[in-house]
């Protein structure tokens, strides 16, 4: 479990704000008529927001890993 958390720390860190943003979007913007499949109920919007937050965190994690790898390679070459 600890290894999973260390491997996906940015993804999990962005999951919570994504869930909160999904709920706030449903609450204040949402779909008034109830015919919108994603934004009509808070359950799906919270899930959708959490997924987007997780994916954004994963993208940032990959970027930082690549940046650190390039930095390490440059230091090794010098």
Protein backbone atom coordinates (compact mmCIF):
# COMPACT_ATOMS: atom_id res chain seq x y z
CA UNK A 1 0.00 0.00 0.00
CA UNK A 2 2.80 2.40 0.89
CA UNK A 3 4.50 1.70 -2.44
CA UNK A 4 1.27 2.48 -4.31
CA UNK A 5 0.88 5.78 -2.47
CA UNK A 6 4.48 6.78 -3.18
CA UNK A 7 4.14 5.87 -6.85
CA UNK A 8 0.88 7.83 -7.33
CA UNK A 9 1.28 10.65 -4.80
CA UNK A 10 0.52 13.53 -7.20
CA UNK A 11 -2.44 11.70 -8.70
CA UNK A 12 -3.92 11.05 -5.27
CA UNK A 13 -3.14 14.61 -4.20
CA UNK A 14 -5.11 16.04 -7.14
CA UNK A 15 -7.96 13.54 -6.67
CA UNK A 16 -9.44 15.41 -3.69
CA UNK A 17 -9.54 18.87 -5.33
CA UNK A 18 -11.02 17.20 -8.43
CA UNK A 19 -13.82 15.70 -6.34
CA UNK A 20 -14.47 19.06 -4.68
CA UNK A 21 -14.42 20.86 -8.05
CA UNK A 22 -16.85 18.30 -9.49
CA UNK A 23 -19.27 18.84 -6.64
CA UNK A 24 -18.99 22.63 -6.86
CA UNK A 25 -19.55 22.49 -10.61
CA UNK A 26 -22.69 20.43 -10.09
CA UNK A 27 -23.89 22.74 -7.32
CA UNK A 28 -23.37 26.10 -9.02
CA UNK A 29 -23.34 25.38 -12.76
CA UNK A 30 -24.93 21.96 -13.28
CA UNK A 31 -27.88 21.15 -15.49
CA UNK A 32 -31.16 22.71 -14.43
CA UNK A 33 -33.41 20.57 -16.62
CA UNK A 34 -31.99 17.24 -15.45
CA UNK A 35 -31.46 15.97 -18.99
CA UNK A 36 -27.66 16.31 -19.01
CA UNK A 37 -26.16 12.85 -18.40
CA UNK A 38 -23.04 13.97 -16.51
CA UNK A 39 -24.00 17.18 -14.75
CA UNK A 40 -27.58 16.33 -13.79
CA UNK A 41 -26.70 14.51 -10.54
CA UNK A 42 -23.88 15.02 -8.10
CA UNK A 43 -22.78 11.37 -8.04
CA UNK A 44 -21.57 11.31 -11.60
CA UNK A 45 -20.13 14.83 -11.45
CA UNK A 46 -18.05 14.03 -8.34
CA UNK A 47 -16.75 10.88 -10.04
CA UNK A 48 -15.97 12.79 -13.23
CA UNK A 49 -14.20 15.57 -11.32
CA UNK A 50 -12.18 13.04 -9.35
CA UNK A 51 -11.07 11.28 -12.52
CA UNK A 52 -9.99 14.53 -14.12
CA UNK A 53 -8.09 15.49 -10.96
CA UNK A 54 -6.40 12.09 -10.88
CA UNK A 55 -5.37 12.35 -14.53
CA UNK A 56 -4.04 15.90 -14.11
CA UNK A 57 -1.97 14.73 -11.16
CA UNK A 58 -0.66 11.82 -13.23
CA UNK A 59 0.37 14.17 -16.04
CA UNK A 60 2.21 16.43 -13.59
CA UNK A 61 3.91 13.41 -12.00
CA UNK A 62 5.12 12.17 -15.40
CA UNK A 63 6.41 15.63 -16.29
CA UNK A 64 8.35 15.94 -13.04
CA UNK A 65 9.83 12.45 -13.41
CA UNK A 66 11.01 13.21 -16.96
CA UNK A 67 12.45 16.53 -15.83
CA UNK A 68 14.36 14.90 -12.98
CA UNK A 69 15.61 12.12 -15.27
CA UNK A 70 16.99 14.65 -17.77
CA UNK A 71 18.59 16.60 -14.93
CA UNK A 72 20.27 13.44 -13.61
CA UNK A 73 21.54 12.52 -17.08
CA UNK A 74 23.07 15.97 -17.54
CA UNK A 75 24.81 15.76 -14.18
CA UNK A 76 26.19 12.31 -15.01
CA UNK A 77 27.56 13.49 -18.36
CA UNK A 78 29.48 16.37 -16.77
